C-alpha atoms as a PDB file:
ATOM      1  CA  MET A   1      15.604  37.717 213.450  1.00  0.00           C
ATOM      2  CA  ASN A   2      15.522  33.941 212.940  1.00  0.00           C
ATOM      3  CA  GLU A   3      17.981  33.032 210.174  1.00  0.00           C
ATOM      4  CA  HIS A   4      15.356  30.798 208.593  1.00  0.00           C
ATOM      5  CA  LEU A   5      12.988  33.738 208.092  1.00  0.00           C
ATOM      6  CA  LYS A   6      12.955  36.525 205.529  1.00  0.00           C
ATOM      7  CA  LEU A   7      11.038  39.771 205.359  1.00  0.00           C
ATOM      8  CA  GLY A   8       8.475  40.819 202.794  1.00  0.00           C
ATOM      9  CA  ILE A   9       5.482  43.038 202.150  1.00  0.00           C
ATOM     10  CA  LYS A  10       2.064  41.377 202.268  1.00  0.00           C
ATOM     11  CA  LEU A  11      -0.142  43.385 199.928  1.00  0.00           C
ATOM     12  CA  ARG A  12      -3.707  44.142 200.932  1.00  0.00           C
ATOM     13  CA  LYS A  13      -5.380  41.704 198.522  1.00  0.00           C
ATOM     14  CA  PHE A  14      -5.105  37.930 198.108  1.00  0.00           C
ATOM     15  CA  ASN A  15      -2.197  37.476 200.565  1.00  0.00           C
ATOM     16  CA  ARG A  16       0.446  38.313 197.972  1.00  0.00           C
ATOM     17  CA  ILE A  17       3.905  38.625 199.537  1.00  0.00           C
ATOM     18  CA  CYS A  18       6.698  40.572 197.839  1.00  0.00           C
ATOM     19  CA  PRO A  19      10.171  39.923 199.332  1.00  0.00           C
ATOM     20  CA  ILE A  20      12.279  42.816 200.655  1.00  0.00           C
ATOM     21  CA  THR A  21      15.956  42.856 199.735  1.00  0.00           C
ATOM     22  CA  GLY A  22      18.890  44.946 200.932  1.00  0.00           C
ATOM     23  CA  TYR A  23      17.375  45.968 204.255  1.00  0.00           C
ATOM     24  CA  ARG A  24      18.833  46.591 207.717  1.00  0.00           C
ATOM     25  CA  GLU A  25      16.953  44.531 210.281  1.00  0.00           C
ATOM     26  CA  GLU A  26      17.070  47.262 212.912  1.00  0.00           C
ATOM     27  CA  SER A  27      15.181  49.612 210.599  1.00  0.00           C
ATOM     28  CA  ILE A  28      12.296  47.227 209.903  1.00  0.00           C
ATOM     29  CA  LYS A  29       9.229  46.950 212.129  1.00  0.00           C
ATOM     30  CA  ILE A  30       7.462  43.649 211.454  1.00  0.00           C
ATOM     31  CA  GLY A  31       3.687  44.016 211.505  1.00  0.00           C
ATOM     32  CA  SER A  32       3.753  47.681 210.506  1.00  0.00           C
ATOM     33  CA  PRO A  33       1.522  48.952 207.661  1.00  0.00           C
ATOM     34  CA  VAL A  34       3.430  50.591 204.819  1.00  0.00           C
ATOM     35  CA  ILE A  35       2.925  52.356 201.510  1.00  0.00           C
ATOM     36  CA  VAL A  36       4.952  50.757 198.713  1.00  0.00           C
ATOM     37  CA  GLN A  37       5.680  51.201 195.035  1.00  0.00           C
ATOM     38  CA  THR A  38       5.227  48.083 192.918  1.00  0.00           C
ATOM     39  CA  ASP A  39       5.365  47.506 189.187  1.00  0.00           C
ATOM     40  CA  ARG A  40       1.598  48.097 189.215  1.00  0.00           C
ATOM     41  CA  GLY A  41       1.617  51.410 191.112  1.00  0.00           C
ATOM     42  CA  VAL A  42       1.229  52.678 194.688  1.00  0.00           C
ATOM     43  CA  GLU A  43      -0.063  50.014 197.069  1.00  0.00           C
ATOM     44  CA  PHE A  44      -0.809  49.388 200.744  1.00  0.00           C
ATOM     45  CA  GLY A  45       0.832  46.511 202.587  1.00  0.00           C
ATOM     46  CA  GLU A  46       2.181  45.152 205.840  1.00  0.00           C
ATOM     47  CA  ILE A  47       5.720  44.095 206.753  1.00  0.00           C
ATOM     48  CA  VAL A  48       5.745  40.363 207.481  1.00  0.00           C
ATOM     49  CA  SER A  49       8.251  37.587 207.976  1.00  0.00           C
ATOM     50  CA  TYR A  50       8.061  34.280 206.123  1.00  0.00           C
ATOM     51  CA  ALA A  51       9.990  31.033 205.951  1.00  0.00           C
ATOM     52  CA  ARG A  52      12.887  30.873 203.540  1.00  0.00           C
ATOM     53  CA  GLY A  53      12.118  28.767 200.517  1.00  0.00           C
ATOM     54  CA  PHE A  54       8.341  28.993 200.999  1.00  0.00           C
ATOM     55  CA  PRO A  55       7.448  29.473 197.316  1.00  0.00           C
ATOM     56  CA  ARG A  56       3.653  29.717 197.612  1.00  0.00           C
ATOM     57  CA  ALA A  57       3.928  32.815 199.813  1.00  0.00           C
ATOM     58  CA  LEU A  58       5.768  34.818 197.184  1.00  0.00           C
ATOM     59  CA  SER A  59       3.863  36.859 194.657  1.00  0.00           C
ATOM     60  CA  ARG A  60       4.217  35.698 191.073  1.00  0.00           C
ATOM     61  CA  ASP A  61       2.405  38.592 189.424  1.00  0.00           C
ATOM     62  CA  VAL A  62       3.462  41.692 191.411  1.00  0.00           C
ATOM     63  CA  ARG A  63       7.009  42.968 191.936  1.00  0.00           C
ATOM     64  CA  LEU A  64       8.058  45.316 194.725  1.00  0.00           C
ATOM     65  CA  LYS A  65      10.078  48.370 193.667  1.00  0.00           C
ATOM     66  CA  LYS A  66      10.506  50.190 196.958  1.00  0.00           C
ATOM     67  CA  VAL A  67       8.974  50.916 200.356  1.00  0.00           C
ATOM     68  CA  VAL A  68       7.859  54.551 200.213  1.00  0.00           C
ATOM     69  CA  ARG A  69       7.048  55.096 203.903  1.00  0.00           C
ATOM     70  CA  TYR A  70       5.289  53.770 206.952  1.00  0.00           C
ATOM     71  CA  ALA A  71       1.516  54.233 206.706  1.00  0.00           C
ATOM     72  CA  THR A  72      -0.203  56.997 208.641  1.00  0.00           C
ATOM     73  CA  ALA A  73      -3.480  56.728 210.544  1.00  0.00           C
ATOM     74  CA  GLU A  74      -5.162  58.341 207.535  1.00  0.00           C
ATOM     75  CA  ASP A  75      -3.657  55.690 205.236  1.00  0.00           C
ATOM     76  CA  VAL A  76      -4.972  52.889 207.429  1.00  0.00           C
ATOM     77  CA  GLU A  77      -8.444  54.423 207.398  1.00  0.00           C
ATOM     78  CA  LYS A  78      -8.343  54.760 203.618  1.00  0.00           C
ATOM     79  CA  GLU A  79      -7.376  51.093 203.282  1.00  0.00           C
ATOM     80  CA  LYS A  80     -10.529  50.136 205.166  1.00  0.00           C
ATOM     81  CA  GLU A  81     -12.589  52.379 202.894  1.00  0.00           C
ATOM     82  CA  LEU A  82     -11.108  50.707 199.800  1.00  0.00           C
ATOM     83  CA  THR A  83     -12.470  47.338 200.911  1.00  0.00           C
ATOM     84  CA  ALA A  84     -15.991  48.760 201.072  1.00  0.00           C
ATOM     85  CA  LEU A  85     -15.492  50.550 197.746  1.00  0.00           C
ATOM     86  CA  GLU A  86     -14.419  47.290 196.093  1.00  0.00           C
ATOM     87  CA  SER A  87     -17.548  45.518 197.337  1.00  0.00           C
ATOM     88  CA  ARG A  88     -19.761  48.208 195.808  1.00  0.00           C
ATOM     89  CA  SER A  89     -17.759  48.209 192.585  1.00  0.00           C
ATOM     90  CA  ILE A  90     -18.256  44.472 192.059  1.00  0.00           C
ATOM     91  CA  ALA A  91     -21.991  45.081 191.823  1.00  0.00           C
ATOM     92  CA  VAL A  92     -21.453  47.987 189.418  1.00  0.00           C
ATOM     93  CA  ALA A  93     -19.152  45.948 187.175  1.00  0.00           C
ATOM     94  CA  GLY A  94     -21.561  43.013 187.154  1.00  0.00           C
ATOM     95  CA  GLN A  95     -24.447  45.245 186.133  1.00  0.00           C
ATOM     96  CA  LYS A  96     -22.366  46.900 183.394  1.00  0.00           C
ATOM     97  CA  ALA A  97     -21.426  43.469 182.023  1.00  0.00           C
ATOM     98  CA  LYS A  98     -25.141  42.627 181.755  1.00  0.00           C
ATOM     99  CA  GLU A  99     -25.861  45.919 180.011  1.00  0.00           C
ATOM    100  CA  HIS A 100     -23.173  45.108 177.438  1.00  0.00           C
ATOM    101  CA  GLU A 101     -24.645  41.585 177.120  1.00  0.00           C
ATOM    102  CA  LEU A 102     -21.321  39.940 177.874  1.00  0.00           C
ATOM    103  CA  PRO A 103     -21.152  36.277 178.955  1.00  0.00           C
ATOM    104  CA  ILE A 104     -18.817  36.931 181.877  1.00  0.00           C
ATOM    105  CA  ARG A 105     -19.064  36.812 185.663  1.00  0.00           C
ATOM    106  CA  VAL A 106     -17.233  39.426 187.713  1.00  0.00           C
ATOM    107  CA  ILE A 107     -15.381  37.572 190.476  1.00  0.00           C
ATOM    108  CA  ASN A 108     -13.593  40.331 192.344  1.00  0.00           C
ATOM    109  CA  ILE A 109     -12.212  43.851 192.043  1.00  0.00           C
ATOM    110  CA  GLU A 110      -8.935  45.291 193.272  1.00  0.00           C
ATOM    111  CA  TYR A 111      -8.208  48.993 193.694  1.00  0.00           C
ATOM    112  CA  LEU A 112      -4.642  50.210 193.964  1.00  0.00           C
ATOM    113  CA  PHE A 113      -4.102  52.429 196.978  1.00  0.00           C
ATOM    114  CA  ASP A 114      -4.008  55.712 195.067  1.00  0.00           C
ATOM    115  CA  ASN A 115      -7.217  54.792 193.167  1.00  0.00           C
ATOM    116  CA  SER A 116      -5.393  55.264 189.850  1.00  0.00           C
ATOM    117  CA  ARG A 117      -5.944  51.693 188.699  1.00  0.00           C
ATOM    118  CA  VAL A 118      -8.716  49.143 189.085  1.00  0.00           C
ATOM    119  CA  ILE A 119      -8.282  45.460 188.246  1.00  0.00           C
ATOM    120  CA  VAL A 120     -11.468  43.564 187.425  1.00  0.00           C
ATOM    121  CA  TYR A 121     -11.167  39.785 187.777  1.00  0.00           C
ATOM    122  CA  TYR A 122     -13.717  37.849 185.759  1.00  0.00           C
ATOM    123  CA  ARG A 123     -14.663  34.374 184.548  1.00  0.00           C
ATOM    124  CA  SER A 124     -16.131  33.400 181.208  1.00  0.00           C
ATOM    125  CA  GLY A 125     -17.595  30.069 180.177  1.00  0.00           C
ATOM    126  CA  ASP A 126     -15.179  27.191 179.657  1.00  0.00           C
ATOM    127  CA  GLY A 127     -14.376  26.699 175.996  1.00  0.00           C
ATOM    128  CA  GLU A 128     -16.126  29.897 174.944  1.00  0.00           C
ATOM    129  CA  LYS A 129     -14.441  32.394 172.667  1.00  0.00           C
ATOM    130  CA  ALA A 130     -12.950  35.308 174.620  1.00  0.00           C
ATOM    131  CA  PRO A 131     -15.431  38.212 174.471  1.00  0.00           C
ATOM    132  CA  ASN A 132     -14.431  41.710 173.368  1.00  0.00           C
ATOM    133  CA  LEU A 133     -14.302  43.719 176.576  1.00  0.00           C
ATOM    134  CA  ARG A 134     -13.067  47.022 175.145  1.00  0.00           C
ATOM    135  CA  ASP A 135     -16.374  48.873 175.467  1.00  0.00           C
ATOM    136  CA  LEU A 136     -16.993  47.469 178.951  1.00  0.00           C
ATOM    137  CA  SER A 137     -13.511  48.511 180.061  1.00  0.00           C
ATOM    138  CA  ARG A 138     -14.077  52.052 178.816  1.00  0.00           C
ATOM    139  CA  ASP A 139     -17.471  52.236 180.505  1.00  0.00           C
ATOM    140  CA  LEU A 140     -16.022  51.053 183.808  1.00  0.00           C
ATOM    141  CA  ALA A 141     -13.110  53.505 183.529  1.00  0.00           C
ATOM    142  CA  VAL A 142     -15.666  56.329 183.431  1.00  0.00           C
ATOM    143  CA  SER A 143     -17.663  54.869 186.338  1.00  0.00           C
ATOM    144  CA  PHE A 144     -14.578  54.301 188.492  1.00  0.00           C
ATOM    145  CA  SER A 145     -12.602  57.378 187.323  1.00  0.00           C
ATOM    146  CA  ALA A 146      -9.539  55.193 186.956  1.00  0.00           C
ATOM    147  CA  ARG A 147      -7.645  53.013 184.530  1.00  0.00           C
ATOM    148  CA  VAL A 148      -9.353  49.631 184.318  1.00  0.00           C
ATOM    149  CA  ASP A 149      -7.598  46.340 183.591  1.00  0.00           C
ATOM    150  CA  MET A 150      -9.706  43.263 182.861  1.00  0.00           C
ATOM    151  CA  LYS A 151      -8.089  40.034 184.045  1.00  0.00           C
ATOM    152  CA  GLN A 152      -9.583  36.653 183.213  1.00  0.00           C
ATOM    153  CA  VAL A 153      -9.133  33.920 185.806  1.00  0.00           C
ATOM    154  CA  SER A 154      -9.518  30.163 185.478  1.00  0.00           C
ATOM    155  CA  PRO A 155     -11.402  28.037 188.035  1.00  0.00           C
ATOM    156  CA  ARG A 156      -8.075  27.103 189.626  1.00  0.00           C
ATOM    157  CA  ASP A 157      -6.962  30.746 189.662  1.00  0.00           C
ATOM    158  CA  GLU A 158     -10.187  31.688 191.400  1.00  0.00           C
ATOM    159  CA  ALA A 159      -9.594  29.129 194.133  1.00  0.00           C
ATOM    160  CA  ARG A 160      -5.927  30.118 194.508  1.00  0.00           C
ATOM    161  CA  LEU A 161      -6.566  33.856 194.684  1.00  0.00           C
ATOM    162  CA  PHE A 162      -9.696  33.912 196.791  1.00  0.00           C
ATOM    163  CA  GLY A 163      -9.226  30.812 198.945  1.00  0.00           C
ATOM    164  CA  GLY A 164     -11.809  28.694 200.719  1.00  0.00           C
ATOM    165  CA  LEU A 165     -12.129  25.421 202.633  1.00  0.00           C
ATOM    166  CA  GLY A 166     -11.568  22.004 201.134  1.00  0.00           C
ATOM    167  CA  ALA A 167     -13.508  18.824 201.896  1.00  0.00           C
ATOM    168  CA  CYS A 168     -10.967  18.155 204.654  1.00  0.00           C
ATOM    169  CA  GLY A 169     -12.073  21.303 206.455  1.00  0.00           C
ATOM    170  CA  ARG A 170      -8.726  23.038 205.956  1.00  0.00           C
ATOM    171  CA  SER A 171      -7.779  26.022 203.819  1.00  0.00           C
ATOM    172  CA  LEU A 172      -7.168  25.142 200.174  1.00  0.00           C
ATOM    173  CA  CYS A 173      -3.621  23.926 199.498  1.00  0.00           C
ATOM    174  CA  CYS A 174      -3.337  26.158 196.426  1.00  0.00           C
ATOM    175  CA  SER A 175      -4.189  29.284 198.427  1.00  0.00           C
ATOM    176  CA  VAL A 176      -1.826  28.522 201.314  1.00  0.00           C
ATOM    177  CA  TRP A 177       1.315  26.682 200.262  1.00  0.00           C
ATOM    178  CA  LEU A 178       1.026  24.838 196.935  1.00  0.00           C
ATOM    179  CA  ASP A 179       3.036  26.715 194.319  1.00  0.00           C
ATOM    180  CA  LYS A 180       1.614  24.939 191.269  1.00  0.00           C
ATOM    181  CA  PRO A 181      -1.592  22.888 190.873  1.00  0.00           C
ATOM    182  CA  LYS A 182      -1.011  19.158 190.762  1.00  0.00           C
ATOM    183  CA  HIS A 183      -1.722  17.206 187.586  1.00  0.00           C
ATOM    184  CA  VAL A 184      -4.316  14.672 188.687  1.00  0.00           C
ATOM    185  CA  THR A 185      -5.845  12.211 186.233  1.00  0.00           C
ATOM    186  CA  VAL A 186      -8.902   9.976 186.334  1.00  0.00           C
ATOM    187  CA  LYS A 187      -6.535   6.985 186.199  1.00  0.00           C
ATOM    188  CA  MET A 188      -4.829   8.139 189.401  1.00  0.00           C
ATOM    189  CA  VAL A 189      -8.208   8.393 191.127  1.00  0.00           C
ATOM    190  CA  LYS A 190      -9.279   4.894 190.060  1.00  0.00           C
ATOM    191  CA  GLU A 191      -5.948   3.386 191.094  1.00  0.00           C
ATOM    192  CA  GLN A 192      -6.727   4.524 194.632  1.00  0.00           C
ATOM    193  CA  GLY A 193     -10.041   2.677 194.548  1.00  0.00           C
ATOM    194  CA  LEU A 194     -12.092   5.867 194.532  1.00  0.00           C
ATOM    195  CA  ALA A 195     -15.276   6.464 192.570  1.00  0.00           C
ATOM    196  CA  MET A 196     -15.504   9.652 190.552  1.00  0.00           C
ATOM    197  CA  SER A 197     -17.804  11.992 192.443  1.00  0.00           C
ATOM    198  CA  PRO A 198     -18.257  15.786 192.332  1.00  0.00           C
ATOM    199  CA  THR A 199     -18.584  15.811 196.131  1.00  0.00           C
ATOM    200  CA  LYS A 200     -15.664  13.487 196.916  1.00  0.00           C
ATOM    201  CA  THR A 201     -13.044  13.883 194.211  1.00  0.00           C
ATOM    202  CA  ALA A 202     -13.582  17.449 192.947  1.00  0.00           C
ATOM    203  CA  GLY A 203     -12.298  20.559 194.671  1.00  0.00           C
ATOM    204  CA  VAL A 204     -14.048  23.908 194.972  1.00  0.00           C
ATOM    205  CA  CYS A 205     -12.608  24.796 191.553  1.00  0.00           C
ATOM    206  CA  GLY A 206     -14.546  21.911 189.995  1.00  0.00           C
ATOM    207  CA  ARG A 207     -11.346  20.119 189.006  1.00  0.00           C
ATOM    208  CA  LEU A 208      -9.954  16.927 190.531  1.00  0.00           C
ATOM    209  CA  MET A 209      -8.520  17.705 193.965  1.00  0.00           C
ATOM    210  CA  CYS A 210      -4.755  18.276 193.980  1.00  0.00           C
ATOM    211  CA  CYS A 211      -4.430  16.233 197.185  1.00  0.00           C
ATOM    212  CA  LEU A 212      -5.422  13.071 195.293  1.00  0.00           C
ATOM    213  CA  GLU A 213      -1.841  13.012 194.052  1.00  0.00           C
ATOM    214  CA  TYR A 214      -0.416  12.898 197.577  1.00  0.00           C
ATOM    215  CA  GLU A 215      -1.691   9.390 198.304  1.00  0.00           C
ATOM    216  CA  HIS A 216      -0.970   8.266 194.744  1.00  0.00           C
ATOM    217  CA  GLU A 217       2.713   9.115 195.208  1.00  0.00           C
ATOM    218  CA  LYS A 218       2.876   6.737 198.169  1.00  0.00           C
ATOM    219  CA  LYS A 219       1.574   3.756 196.180  1.00  0.00           C
END
């Protein structure tokens, strides 16, 4: 294997990559689906290689404990079924939030591979007091027959986790390689001779585009 590459497990959601340590190269099959144990529970992933020192690729919120085994044909089929289940569950969670009259928007849902845990990603209004989600969480736990964790995401988190295309036509920097959002100010925008515009200076997250700092650094 190229000495500039390392191996990791790409989990099934949001392109998270957990590095593998202490392995023998001859025993690893890159591209193979695997069942792994993380600090969250049992998960499905794929063995991948990535460039050394590529910080954005590495997961910051999930830690790999061990590779349990290579995935079977049945495991692969179940992984496909989970994707469909998550799509249906988003609608269920959104409807439940309305029934509880909560000012939140369900963004996405993630099932762990053994269906023991469901993570509901949501957004609430900027500047609003965090709502009490205890009753909603309990209701969803009954509906999903699993432990439910509610995880609030910011506009930047939403862009980073779920990706998209920027005004340049390329994948968002924060979802591909940028480890930490840039701190861009209105002053930096004006110093580049740009007019503040939601369509020209704001990213899909609604904040000033991180790339506006790239040209500012050259000035």
